[in-house]
């Protein structure tokens, strides 16, 4: 469980680092609407990931699991769907009011996916070379 926590923490840190790097590149190379889309999408998805991590850490503990009469999955899912709805409304408002470029927003929303991919490659590489030695 401790290794999983380290991986999730690494994904969280890489989310923010990747968002900063992508935002710096887009601010120098693209239009303002595209840059704002990248930043807005990246913030939405990074904050959602952070809140999901906090929800799981808070609600899924051994003492909570052992308590009878509590639906842990229901509580976690309710919070998940609330975050999903808020994100959907934010994305709708950003695109419908022409505040951001849709492709920039999609790029920003892909930050967590890219972070998970990069951390997975890093962890698998470490495991592979650890066993090779």
N, C-alpha and C. Protein backbone atom coordinates (compact mmCIF):
# COMPACT_ATOMS: atom_id res chain seq x y z
N UNK A 1 0.83 -1.20 0.00
CA UNK A 1 0.00 0.00 0.00
C UNK A 1 0.86 1.25 0.00
N UNK A 2 2.01 1.17 0.68
CA UNK A 2 2.89 2.32 0.74
C UNK A 2 3.47 2.65 -0.64
N UNK A 3 3.79 1.62 -1.43
CA UNK A 3 4.29 1.84 -2.79
C UNK A 3 3.24 2.51 -3.66
N UNK A 4 1.99 2.11 -3.49
CA UNK A 4 0.91 2.72 -4.25
C UNK A 4 0.76 4.20 -3.90
N UNK A 5 0.89 4.52 -2.62
CA UNK A 5 0.82 5.91 -2.19
C UNK A 5 1.94 6.73 -2.81
N UNK A 6 3.13 6.15 -2.89
CA UNK A 6 4.25 6.85 -3.51
C UNK A 6 3.99 7.10 -4.99
N UNK A 7 3.41 6.13 -5.67
CA UNK A 7 3.10 6.28 -7.10
C UNK A 7 2.05 7.37 -7.31
N UNK A 8 1.02 7.36 -6.48
CA UNK A 8 -0.03 8.38 -6.61
C UNK A 8 0.52 9.76 -6.31
N UNK A 9 1.39 9.87 -5.32
CA UNK A 9 2.03 11.16 -5.03
C UNK A 9 2.90 11.61 -6.19
N UNK A 10 3.60 10.68 -6.81
CA UNK A 10 4.43 11.00 -7.97
C UNK A 10 3.56 11.47 -9.14
N UNK A 11 2.42 10.83 -9.35
CA UNK A 11 1.50 11.26 -10.41
C UNK A 11 0.98 12.67 -10.11
N UNK A 12 0.64 12.93 -8.85
CA UNK A 12 0.14 14.25 -8.48
C UNK A 12 1.18 15.33 -8.75
N UNK A 13 2.41 15.08 -8.35
CA UNK A 13 3.49 16.05 -8.58
C UNK A 13 3.77 16.22 -10.07
N UNK A 14 3.75 15.12 -10.80
CA UNK A 14 4.02 15.23 -12.24
C UNK A 14 2.88 15.93 -12.97
N UNK A 15 1.65 15.84 -12.45
CA UNK A 15 0.54 16.60 -13.04
C UNK A 15 0.87 18.09 -13.06
N UNK A 16 1.25 18.59 -11.90
CA UNK A 16 1.52 20.03 -11.78
C UNK A 16 2.75 20.42 -12.59
N UNK A 17 3.79 19.60 -12.56
CA UNK A 17 5.00 19.90 -13.32
C UNK A 17 4.72 19.91 -14.82
N UNK A 18 4.01 18.91 -15.29
CA UNK A 18 3.67 18.83 -16.71
C UNK A 18 2.77 19.99 -17.13
N UNK A 19 1.83 20.37 -16.27
CA UNK A 19 0.97 21.51 -16.57
C UNK A 19 1.78 22.79 -16.72
N UNK A 20 2.73 23.00 -15.83
CA UNK A 20 3.57 24.21 -15.91
C UNK A 20 4.41 24.20 -17.19
N UNK A 21 4.98 23.05 -17.52
CA UNK A 21 5.81 22.95 -18.73
C UNK A 21 4.97 23.20 -19.98
N UNK A 22 3.82 22.55 -20.08
CA UNK A 22 2.96 22.72 -21.26
C UNK A 22 2.44 24.16 -21.33
N UNK A 23 2.10 24.75 -20.20
CA UNK A 23 1.62 26.13 -20.19
C UNK A 23 2.72 27.10 -20.64
N UNK A 24 3.95 26.86 -20.20
CA UNK A 24 5.05 27.74 -20.61
C UNK A 24 5.31 27.64 -22.12
N UNK A 25 5.22 26.43 -22.65
CA UNK A 25 5.44 26.26 -24.09
C UNK A 25 4.31 26.93 -24.88
N UNK A 26 3.07 26.73 -24.44
CA UNK A 26 1.95 27.29 -25.20
C UNK A 26 1.84 28.81 -25.08
N UNK A 27 2.26 29.38 -23.97
CA UNK A 27 2.18 30.84 -23.85
C UNK A 27 3.15 31.50 -24.82
N UNK A 28 4.25 30.80 -25.15
CA UNK A 28 5.23 31.38 -26.08
C UNK A 28 4.90 31.08 -27.54
N UNK A 29 4.09 30.06 -27.81
CA UNK A 29 3.94 29.62 -29.19
C UNK A 29 2.52 29.72 -29.75
N UNK A 30 1.52 29.93 -28.92
CA UNK A 30 0.14 29.90 -29.42
C UNK A 30 -0.62 31.16 -29.02
N UNK A 31 -1.86 31.19 -29.44
CA UNK A 31 -2.73 32.34 -29.14
C UNK A 31 -3.15 32.33 -27.67
N UNK A 32 -3.70 33.42 -27.23
CA UNK A 32 -4.15 33.55 -25.85
C UNK A 32 -5.27 32.57 -25.54
N UNK A 33 -6.22 32.40 -26.46
CA UNK A 33 -7.35 31.49 -26.21
C UNK A 33 -6.86 30.05 -26.06
N UNK A 34 -5.89 29.66 -26.88
CA UNK A 34 -5.35 28.30 -26.78
C UNK A 34 -4.62 28.13 -25.46
N UNK A 35 -3.80 29.10 -25.10
CA UNK A 35 -3.06 29.05 -23.84
C UNK A 35 -4.02 28.98 -22.65
N UNK A 36 -5.06 29.81 -22.67
CA UNK A 36 -6.05 29.78 -21.58
C UNK A 36 -6.76 28.44 -21.51
N UNK A 37 -7.00 27.84 -22.67
CA UNK A 37 -7.61 26.51 -22.70
C UNK A 37 -6.72 25.47 -22.05
N UNK A 38 -5.43 25.51 -22.34
CA UNK A 38 -4.48 24.57 -21.75
C UNK A 38 -4.45 24.74 -20.23
N UNK A 39 -4.35 25.97 -19.79
CA UNK A 39 -4.28 26.23 -18.35
C UNK A 39 -5.59 25.85 -17.66
N UNK A 40 -6.71 26.24 -18.23
CA UNK A 40 -8.01 25.91 -17.62
C UNK A 40 -8.23 24.41 -17.57
N UNK A 41 -7.98 23.71 -18.67
CA UNK A 41 -8.15 22.26 -18.70
C UNK A 41 -7.21 21.56 -17.74
N UNK A 42 -5.97 22.01 -17.71
CA UNK A 42 -5.00 21.42 -16.78
C UNK A 42 -5.38 21.63 -15.33
N UNK A 43 -5.87 22.83 -15.01
CA UNK A 43 -6.30 23.10 -13.64
C UNK A 43 -7.51 22.26 -13.25
N UNK A 44 -8.46 22.16 -14.16
CA UNK A 44 -9.66 21.37 -13.87
C UNK A 44 -9.29 19.93 -13.56
N UNK A 45 -8.48 19.33 -14.42
CA UNK A 45 -8.17 17.92 -14.26
C UNK A 45 -7.20 17.68 -13.09
N UNK A 46 -6.26 18.56 -12.86
CA UNK A 46 -5.32 18.38 -11.76
C UNK A 46 -6.01 18.54 -10.40
N UNK A 47 -6.90 19.51 -10.30
CA UNK A 47 -7.65 19.70 -9.06
C UNK A 47 -8.59 18.51 -8.83
N UNK A 48 -9.22 18.02 -9.89
CA UNK A 48 -10.08 16.83 -9.76
C UNK A 48 -9.29 15.62 -9.28
N UNK A 49 -8.10 15.42 -9.83
CA UNK A 49 -7.26 14.29 -9.42
C UNK A 49 -6.87 14.43 -7.96
N UNK A 50 -6.49 15.63 -7.57
CA UNK A 50 -6.10 15.88 -6.17
C UNK A 50 -7.28 15.63 -5.22
N UNK A 51 -8.45 16.10 -5.59
CA UNK A 51 -9.63 15.89 -4.75
C UNK A 51 -10.03 14.42 -4.68
N UNK A 52 -9.89 13.70 -5.78
CA UNK A 52 -10.17 12.27 -5.77
C UNK A 52 -9.19 11.55 -4.84
N UNK A 53 -7.94 11.92 -4.90
CA UNK A 53 -6.94 11.34 -4.01
C UNK A 53 -7.30 11.59 -2.55
N UNK A 54 -7.68 12.82 -2.23
CA UNK A 54 -8.08 13.15 -0.85
C UNK A 54 -9.31 12.39 -0.41
N UNK A 55 -10.28 12.27 -1.30
CA UNK A 55 -11.50 11.54 -0.97
C UNK A 55 -11.19 10.08 -0.65
N UNK A 56 -10.36 9.46 -1.46
CA UNK A 56 -10.03 8.06 -1.23
C UNK A 56 -9.22 7.89 0.05
N UNK A 57 -8.26 8.79 0.29
CA UNK A 57 -7.48 8.71 1.52
C UNK A 57 -8.35 8.90 2.75
N UNK A 58 -9.31 9.79 2.66
CA UNK A 58 -10.15 10.11 3.81
C UNK A 58 -11.23 9.06 4.05
N UNK A 59 -11.84 8.58 2.99
CA UNK A 59 -13.01 7.70 3.15
C UNK A 59 -12.68 6.21 3.16
N UNK A 60 -11.55 5.84 2.64
CA UNK A 60 -11.23 4.41 2.60
C UNK A 60 -10.03 4.17 3.52
N UNK A 61 -10.34 4.05 4.79
CA UNK A 61 -9.36 3.71 5.83
C UNK A 61 -9.84 2.45 6.52
N UNK A 62 -8.93 1.68 7.13
CA UNK A 62 -9.36 0.43 7.77
C UNK A 62 -10.49 0.60 8.78
N UNK A 63 -10.43 1.66 9.59
CA UNK A 63 -11.50 1.84 10.58
C UNK A 63 -12.83 2.19 9.93
N UNK A 64 -12.78 2.86 8.78
CA UNK A 64 -14.02 3.19 8.07
C UNK A 64 -14.60 1.94 7.41
N UNK A 65 -13.72 1.09 6.90
CA UNK A 65 -14.17 -0.13 6.23
C UNK A 65 -14.80 -1.08 7.23
N UNK A 66 -14.27 -1.13 8.45
CA UNK A 66 -14.76 -2.05 9.46
C UNK A 66 -16.09 -1.60 10.08
N UNK A 67 -16.40 -0.31 9.95
CA UNK A 67 -17.63 0.21 10.54
C UNK A 67 -18.84 -0.33 9.77
N UNK A 68 -19.76 -0.91 10.51
CA UNK A 68 -20.93 -1.51 9.85
C UNK A 68 -21.95 -0.43 9.50
N UNK A 69 -22.70 -0.71 8.47
CA UNK A 69 -23.80 0.18 8.11
C UNK A 69 -23.38 1.37 7.27
N UNK A 70 -22.16 1.40 6.78
CA UNK A 70 -21.70 2.52 5.97
C UNK A 70 -21.40 2.05 4.55
N UNK A 71 -21.87 2.79 3.63
CA UNK A 71 -21.58 2.49 2.23
C UNK A 71 -20.44 3.40 1.77
N UNK A 72 -19.25 2.85 1.76
CA UNK A 72 -18.09 3.64 1.35
C UNK A 72 -18.11 3.95 -0.14
N UNK A 73 -18.49 2.97 -0.91
CA UNK A 73 -18.49 3.22 -2.35
C UNK A 73 -19.53 4.27 -2.73
N UNK A 74 -20.66 4.25 -2.05
CA UNK A 74 -21.69 5.25 -2.32
C UNK A 74 -21.20 6.65 -2.03
N UNK A 75 -20.51 6.82 -0.93
CA UNK A 75 -20.00 8.13 -0.54
C UNK A 75 -18.93 8.62 -1.53
N UNK A 76 -18.03 7.72 -1.89
CA UNK A 76 -16.98 8.08 -2.85
C UNK A 76 -17.59 8.41 -4.21
N UNK A 77 -18.56 7.62 -4.65
CA UNK A 77 -19.19 7.85 -5.95
C UNK A 77 -19.98 9.16 -5.97
N UNK A 78 -20.65 9.48 -4.89
CA UNK A 78 -21.40 10.75 -4.84
C UNK A 78 -20.45 11.93 -5.02
N UNK A 79 -19.33 11.90 -4.30
CA UNK A 79 -18.35 12.98 -4.44
C UNK A 79 -17.78 13.00 -5.85
N UNK A 80 -17.56 11.84 -6.43
CA UNK A 80 -17.02 11.75 -7.78
C UNK A 80 -17.99 12.38 -8.79
N UNK A 81 -19.25 12.04 -8.68
CA UNK A 81 -20.23 12.58 -9.63
C UNK A 81 -20.47 14.08 -9.43
N UNK A 82 -20.34 14.56 -8.22
CA UNK A 82 -20.45 16.01 -8.00
C UNK A 82 -19.28 16.72 -8.69
N UNK A 83 -18.07 16.20 -8.53
CA UNK A 83 -16.91 16.78 -9.20
C UNK A 83 -17.07 16.70 -10.72
N UNK A 84 -17.59 15.58 -11.19
CA UNK A 84 -17.80 15.39 -12.63
C UNK A 84 -18.79 16.43 -13.16
N UNK A 85 -19.87 16.66 -12.45
CA UNK A 85 -20.88 17.63 -12.88
C UNK A 85 -20.33 19.04 -12.87
N UNK A 86 -19.59 19.39 -11.84
CA UNK A 86 -18.99 20.73 -11.76
C UNK A 86 -18.00 20.92 -12.91
N UNK A 87 -17.20 19.90 -13.18
CA UNK A 87 -16.25 19.98 -14.29
C UNK A 87 -16.97 20.14 -15.62
N UNK A 88 -18.04 19.39 -15.82
CA UNK A 88 -18.80 19.49 -17.06
C UNK A 88 -19.38 20.89 -17.25
N UNK A 89 -19.91 21.46 -16.20
CA UNK A 89 -20.47 22.82 -16.28
C UNK A 89 -19.36 23.83 -16.60
N UNK A 90 -18.21 23.70 -15.93
CA UNK A 90 -17.08 24.60 -16.21
C UNK A 90 -16.62 24.50 -17.66
N UNK A 91 -16.49 23.28 -18.15
CA UNK A 91 -16.05 23.08 -19.53
C UNK A 91 -17.07 23.65 -20.50
N UNK A 92 -18.35 23.42 -20.23
CA UNK A 92 -19.42 23.97 -21.08
C UNK A 92 -19.35 25.49 -21.12
N UNK A 93 -19.22 26.11 -19.96
CA UNK A 93 -19.17 27.58 -19.90
C UNK A 93 -17.94 28.14 -20.60
N UNK A 94 -16.80 27.48 -20.42
CA UNK A 94 -15.57 27.95 -21.07
C UNK A 94 -15.67 27.88 -22.59
N UNK A 95 -16.26 26.82 -23.10
CA UNK A 95 -16.35 26.67 -24.56
C UNK A 95 -17.49 27.50 -25.13
N UNK A 96 -18.66 27.49 -24.49
CA UNK A 96 -19.82 28.20 -25.04
C UNK A 96 -19.64 29.71 -25.03
N UNK A 97 -18.88 30.23 -24.08
CA UNK A 97 -18.63 31.68 -24.04
C UNK A 97 -17.38 32.07 -24.82
N UNK A 98 -16.79 31.12 -25.53
CA UNK A 98 -15.61 31.36 -26.36
C UNK A 98 -14.45 31.97 -25.57
N UNK A 99 -14.28 31.52 -24.35
CA UNK A 99 -13.18 32.00 -23.51
C UNK A 99 -11.90 31.25 -23.86
N UNK A 100 -12.03 29.97 -24.18
CA UNK A 100 -10.86 29.14 -24.48
C UNK A 100 -11.04 28.46 -25.84
N UNK A 101 -9.93 28.03 -26.40
CA UNK A 101 -9.96 27.25 -27.63
C UNK A 101 -10.20 25.79 -27.24
N UNK A 102 -11.15 25.10 -27.89
CA UNK A 102 -11.47 23.72 -27.52
C UNK A 102 -10.27 22.76 -27.57
N UNK A 103 -9.40 22.93 -28.56
CA UNK A 103 -8.23 22.04 -28.64
C UNK A 103 -7.23 22.33 -27.51
N UNK A 104 -7.14 23.59 -27.12
CA UNK A 104 -6.30 23.94 -25.98
C UNK A 104 -6.85 23.33 -24.70
N UNK A 105 -8.17 23.38 -24.56
CA UNK A 105 -8.81 22.78 -23.39
C UNK A 105 -8.59 21.28 -23.37
N UNK A 106 -8.71 20.64 -24.52
CA UNK A 106 -8.47 19.20 -24.62
C UNK A 106 -7.02 18.86 -24.27
N UNK A 107 -6.11 19.70 -24.72
CA UNK A 107 -4.70 19.49 -24.39
C UNK A 107 -4.49 19.59 -22.88
N UNK A 108 -5.09 20.58 -22.25
CA UNK A 108 -4.97 20.73 -20.81
C UNK A 108 -5.61 19.58 -20.05
N UNK A 109 -6.75 19.11 -20.55
CA UNK A 109 -7.42 17.99 -19.90
C UNK A 109 -6.64 16.68 -20.02
N UNK A 110 -5.70 16.63 -20.95
CA UNK A 110 -4.89 15.44 -21.16
C UNK A 110 -3.67 15.37 -20.24
N UNK A 111 -3.47 16.36 -19.42
CA UNK A 111 -2.29 16.42 -18.56
C UNK A 111 -2.21 15.21 -17.62
N UNK A 112 -3.31 14.85 -16.99
CA UNK A 112 -3.29 13.73 -16.05
C UNK A 112 -3.03 12.42 -16.79
N UNK A 113 -3.61 12.26 -17.96
CA UNK A 113 -3.38 11.05 -18.75
C UNK A 113 -1.89 10.94 -19.09
N UNK A 114 -1.29 12.03 -19.52
CA UNK A 114 0.13 12.03 -19.84
C UNK A 114 0.97 11.75 -18.60
N UNK A 115 0.59 12.32 -17.46
CA UNK A 115 1.32 12.08 -16.22
C UNK A 115 1.25 10.62 -15.81
N UNK A 116 0.08 10.03 -15.88
CA UNK A 116 -0.07 8.62 -15.52
C UNK A 116 0.77 7.76 -16.45
N UNK A 117 0.77 8.07 -17.74
CA UNK A 117 1.57 7.32 -18.70
C UNK A 117 3.06 7.44 -18.38
N UNK A 118 3.53 8.66 -18.13
CA UNK A 118 4.95 8.87 -17.84
C UNK A 118 5.37 8.18 -16.55
N UNK A 119 4.55 8.26 -15.52
CA UNK A 119 4.89 7.60 -14.25
C UNK A 119 4.87 6.08 -14.42
N UNK A 120 3.93 5.57 -15.20
CA UNK A 120 3.89 4.13 -15.46
C UNK A 120 5.17 3.68 -16.16
N UNK A 121 5.60 4.41 -17.16
CA UNK A 121 6.84 4.07 -17.85
C UNK A 121 8.02 4.12 -16.87
N UNK A 122 8.05 5.12 -16.02
CA UNK A 122 9.13 5.25 -15.04
C UNK A 122 9.15 4.08 -14.06
N UNK A 123 7.99 3.72 -13.53
CA UNK A 123 7.91 2.63 -12.56
C UNK A 123 8.25 1.30 -13.21
N UNK A 124 7.74 1.04 -14.39
CA UNK A 124 8.04 -0.21 -15.09
C UNK A 124 9.53 -0.28 -15.42
N UNK A 125 10.11 0.83 -15.85
CA UNK A 125 11.54 0.86 -16.14
C UNK A 125 12.36 0.57 -14.90
N UNK A 126 11.99 1.17 -13.78
CA UNK A 126 12.71 0.90 -12.52
C UNK A 126 12.59 -0.57 -12.12
N UNK A 127 11.40 -1.14 -12.26
CA UNK A 127 11.22 -2.55 -11.92
C UNK A 127 12.02 -3.45 -12.84
N UNK A 128 12.03 -3.13 -14.12
CA UNK A 128 12.74 -3.96 -15.10
C UNK A 128 14.24 -3.94 -14.81
N UNK A 129 14.81 -2.75 -14.62
CA UNK A 129 16.24 -2.67 -14.38
C UNK A 129 16.64 -3.16 -13.00
N UNK A 130 15.72 -3.11 -12.05
CA UNK A 130 15.99 -3.64 -10.71
C UNK A 130 16.12 -5.15 -10.77
N UNK A 131 15.25 -5.81 -11.56
CA UNK A 131 15.30 -7.26 -11.70
C UNK A 131 16.45 -7.69 -12.58
N UNK A 132 16.88 -6.83 -13.50
CA UNK A 132 17.96 -7.20 -14.40
C UNK A 132 19.31 -7.22 -13.68
N UNK A 133 19.41 -6.51 -12.59
CA UNK A 133 20.69 -6.44 -11.86
C UNK A 133 20.91 -7.64 -11.02
